[in-house]
Amino acid sequence: MRVEINDYIIMDTEICHGKPTFKGTRIMVWQVLEMLKSGYKVEDILKEFPSLTENHIKAALEFAAKKAAGERLVKA
């Protein structure tokens, strides 16, 4: 089963055990959030994951904020 969270993030039971990933990759959202928490700069993350853009990172932060606020996560 595949669920679109937003334009950049999906959850698919066939990819990374259904954990939120960036579309078209196996990069999990938690990895980027963990890197930000650890002090990585956006530029560093983009070097580590060249298939991502700044918009992917913004989408990850939006996802985390909505999850923390208890808001609906699935794209309407």
N, C-alpha and C. Protein backbone atom coordinates (compact mmCIF):
# COMPACT_ATOMS: atom_id res chain seq x y z
N MET A 1 0.84 -1.18 0.00
CA MET A 1 0.00 0.00 0.00
C MET A 1 0.89 1.24 0.00
N ARG A 2 0.53 2.22 -0.81
CA ARG A 2 1.29 3.46 -0.93
C ARG A 2 0.42 4.64 -0.52
N VAL A 3 0.98 5.50 0.33
CA VAL A 3 0.27 6.70 0.79
C VAL A 3 1.16 7.90 0.52
N GLU A 4 0.60 8.91 -0.14
CA GLU A 4 1.35 10.15 -0.38
C GLU A 4 1.14 11.08 0.80
N ILE A 5 2.24 11.47 1.43
CA ILE A 5 2.18 12.38 2.57
C ILE A 5 2.11 13.82 2.06
N ASN A 6 3.01 14.15 1.14
CA ASN A 6 3.01 15.46 0.49
C ASN A 6 3.68 15.27 -0.88
N ASP A 7 4.05 16.35 -1.53
CA ASP A 7 4.63 16.24 -2.87
C ASP A 7 5.98 15.52 -2.88
N TYR A 8 6.62 15.38 -1.74
CA TYR A 8 7.97 14.83 -1.68
C TYR A 8 8.10 13.55 -0.86
N ILE A 9 7.12 13.25 -0.03
CA ILE A 9 7.23 12.13 0.91
C ILE A 9 6.09 11.14 0.70
N ILE A 10 6.47 9.85 0.74
CA ILE A 10 5.48 8.77 0.65
C ILE A 10 5.74 7.75 1.75
N MET A 11 4.74 6.93 2.00
CA MET A 11 4.89 5.73 2.82
C MET A 11 4.39 4.59 1.95
N ASP A 12 5.24 3.61 1.71
CA ASP A 12 4.91 2.48 0.85
C ASP A 12 5.37 1.21 1.56
N THR A 13 4.46 0.30 1.77
CA THR A 13 4.79 -0.93 2.49
C THR A 13 5.87 -1.74 1.76
N GLU A 14 6.09 -1.48 0.47
CA GLU A 14 7.10 -2.19 -0.31
C GLU A 14 8.48 -1.52 -0.23
N ILE A 15 8.55 -0.33 0.38
CA ILE A 15 9.81 0.42 0.45
C ILE A 15 10.12 0.71 1.90
N CYS A 16 11.29 0.27 2.36
CA CYS A 16 11.77 0.54 3.73
C CYS A 16 10.74 0.24 4.80
N HIS A 17 10.04 -0.89 4.64
CA HIS A 17 9.06 -1.37 5.63
C HIS A 17 7.96 -0.35 5.92
N GLY A 18 7.63 0.50 4.94
CA GLY A 18 6.54 1.45 5.11
C GLY A 18 6.91 2.72 5.84
N LYS A 19 8.17 2.89 6.17
CA LYS A 19 8.60 4.13 6.83
C LYS A 19 8.54 5.27 5.81
N PRO A 20 8.30 6.50 6.25
CA PRO A 20 8.26 7.63 5.31
C PRO A 20 9.60 7.80 4.60
N THR A 21 9.53 7.85 3.26
CA THR A 21 10.71 8.05 2.43
C THR A 21 10.44 9.17 1.43
N PHE A 22 11.51 9.66 0.85
CA PHE A 22 11.35 10.66 -0.20
C PHE A 22 11.04 9.94 -1.50
N LYS A 23 10.06 10.44 -2.25
CA LYS A 23 9.62 9.80 -3.49
C LYS A 23 10.80 9.50 -4.39
N GLY A 24 10.78 8.29 -4.95
CA GLY A 24 11.79 7.89 -5.90
C GLY A 24 13.12 7.50 -5.29
N THR A 25 13.18 7.44 -3.95
CA THR A 25 14.43 7.08 -3.26
C THR A 25 14.13 6.06 -2.17
N ARG A 26 15.17 5.60 -1.54
CA ARG A 26 15.05 4.79 -0.33
C ARG A 26 15.61 5.58 0.86
N ILE A 27 15.67 6.89 0.70
CA ILE A 27 16.14 7.76 1.78
C ILE A 27 14.97 8.01 2.71
N MET A 28 15.13 7.63 3.96
CA MET A 28 14.05 7.79 4.93
C MET A 28 14.07 9.19 5.54
N VAL A 29 12.89 9.71 5.76
CA VAL A 29 12.74 11.06 6.30
C VAL A 29 13.46 11.19 7.63
N TRP A 30 13.39 10.17 8.47
CA TRP A 30 14.03 10.27 9.78
C TRP A 30 15.53 10.49 9.64
N GLN A 31 16.15 9.97 8.58
CA GLN A 31 17.59 10.15 8.39
C GLN A 31 17.94 11.63 8.25
N VAL A 32 17.17 12.33 7.45
CA VAL A 32 17.42 13.76 7.24
C VAL A 32 17.12 14.55 8.51
N LEU A 33 16.03 14.21 9.18
CA LEU A 33 15.70 14.91 10.42
C LEU A 33 16.78 14.68 11.48
N GLU A 34 17.29 13.47 11.55
CA GLU A 34 18.36 13.15 12.50
C GLU A 34 19.62 13.95 12.17
N MET A 35 19.92 14.09 10.90
CA MET A 35 21.09 14.86 10.49
C MET A 35 20.92 16.33 10.89
N LEU A 36 19.74 16.88 10.68
CA LEU A 36 19.48 18.26 11.08
C LEU A 36 19.64 18.42 12.59
N LYS A 37 19.10 17.47 13.33
CA LYS A 37 19.21 17.49 14.79
C LYS A 37 20.67 17.44 15.24
N SER A 38 21.47 16.71 14.49
CA SER A 38 22.89 16.56 14.83
C SER A 38 23.75 17.75 14.40
N GLY A 39 23.13 18.74 13.77
CA GLY A 39 23.88 19.94 13.41
C GLY A 39 24.32 20.04 11.97
N TYR A 40 23.96 19.06 11.15
CA TYR A 40 24.31 19.14 9.73
C TYR A 40 23.61 20.35 9.12
N LYS A 41 24.30 21.01 8.22
CA LYS A 41 23.70 22.11 7.46
C LYS A 41 23.00 21.51 6.25
N VAL A 42 22.05 22.26 5.72
CA VAL A 42 21.31 21.79 4.54
C VAL A 42 22.28 21.42 3.42
N GLU A 43 23.29 22.23 3.23
CA GLU A 43 24.27 21.98 2.17
C GLU A 43 24.97 20.63 2.37
N ASP A 44 25.27 20.30 3.63
CA ASP A 44 25.92 19.02 3.94
C ASP A 44 25.01 17.84 3.61
N ILE A 45 23.74 18.00 3.92
CA ILE A 45 22.77 16.92 3.65
C ILE A 45 22.63 16.73 2.15
N LEU A 46 22.58 17.82 1.41
CA LEU A 46 22.44 17.72 -0.05
C LEU A 46 23.68 17.08 -0.68
N LYS A 47 24.84 17.29 -0.09
CA LYS A 47 26.05 16.62 -0.58
C LYS A 47 26.00 15.12 -0.28
N GLU A 48 25.49 14.77 0.89
CA GLU A 48 25.37 13.37 1.31
C GLU A 48 24.32 12.63 0.47
N PHE A 49 23.24 13.33 0.14
CA PHE A 49 22.14 12.76 -0.65
C PHE A 49 21.87 13.64 -1.86
N PRO A 50 22.67 13.51 -2.92
CA PRO A 50 22.55 14.41 -4.07
C PRO A 50 21.21 14.34 -4.81
N SER A 51 20.42 13.30 -4.58
CA SER A 51 19.12 13.21 -5.25
C SER A 51 18.06 14.09 -4.56
N LEU A 52 18.39 14.62 -3.40
CA LEU A 52 17.45 15.49 -2.68
C LEU A 52 17.70 16.96 -3.02
N THR A 53 16.66 17.76 -2.79
CA THR A 53 16.76 19.21 -2.96
C THR A 53 16.39 19.87 -1.64
N GLU A 54 16.55 21.16 -1.59
CA GLU A 54 16.15 21.90 -0.40
C GLU A 54 14.66 21.72 -0.12
N ASN A 55 13.87 21.57 -1.17
CA ASN A 55 12.43 21.35 -0.99
C ASN A 55 12.13 20.03 -0.28
N HIS A 56 12.94 19.02 -0.51
CA HIS A 56 12.77 17.75 0.21
C HIS A 56 12.99 17.96 1.71
N ILE A 57 14.00 18.72 2.05
CA ILE A 57 14.31 18.97 3.46
C ILE A 57 13.19 19.79 4.11
N LYS A 58 12.69 20.78 3.40
CA LYS A 58 11.56 21.57 3.92
C LYS A 58 10.34 20.67 4.12
N ALA A 59 10.12 19.74 3.20
CA ALA A 59 8.99 18.81 3.32
C ALA A 59 9.16 17.91 4.54
N ALA A 60 10.39 17.51 4.82
CA ALA A 60 10.66 16.68 6.00
C ALA A 60 10.36 17.46 7.28
N LEU A 61 10.74 18.72 7.32
CA LEU A 61 10.46 19.55 8.49
C LEU A 61 8.96 19.79 8.65
N GLU A 62 8.28 20.00 7.54
CA GLU A 62 6.82 20.17 7.60
C GLU A 62 6.16 18.89 8.11
N PHE A 63 6.63 17.74 7.63
CA PHE A 63 6.12 16.45 8.08
C PHE A 63 6.29 16.30 9.59
N ALA A 64 7.48 16.61 10.08
CA ALA A 64 7.77 16.48 11.51
C ALA A 64 6.91 17.43 12.33
N ALA A 65 6.74 18.66 11.85
CA ALA A 65 5.93 19.64 12.57
C ALA A 65 4.47 19.19 12.65
N LYS A 66 3.94 18.70 11.54
CA LYS A 66 2.54 18.23 11.53
C LYS A 66 2.37 17.02 12.43
N LYS A 67 3.33 16.11 12.38
CA LYS A 67 3.25 14.92 13.24
C LYS A 67 3.28 15.32 14.71
N ALA A 68 4.16 16.26 15.07
CA ALA A 68 4.26 16.71 16.46
C ALA A 68 3.00 17.42 16.90
N ALA A 69 2.35 18.12 15.98
CA ALA A 69 1.13 18.85 16.32
C ALA A 69 -0.11 17.95 16.26
N GLY A 70 0.07 16.71 15.83
CA GLY A 70 -1.06 15.79 15.75
C GLY A 70 -1.97 16.06 14.57
N GLU A 71 -1.45 16.77 13.57
CA GLU A 71 -2.26 17.10 12.38
C GLU A 71 -2.31 15.92 11.42
N ARG A 72 -3.24 15.98 10.51
CA ARG A 72 -3.38 14.98 9.46
C ARG A 72 -2.14 15.01 8.58
N LEU A 73 -1.56 13.85 8.34
CA LEU A 73 -0.31 13.78 7.58
C LEU A 73 -0.52 13.48 6.11
N VAL A 74 -1.60 12.83 5.75
CA VAL A 74 -1.81 12.37 4.38
C VAL A 74 -2.26 13.53 3.50
N LYS A 75 -1.68 13.57 2.30
CA LYS A 75 -2.02 14.61 1.31
C LYS A 75 -3.50 14.52 0.98
N ALA A 76 -4.16 15.65 1.00
CA ALA A 76 -5.61 15.69 0.71
C ALA A 76 -5.90 15.59 -0.76
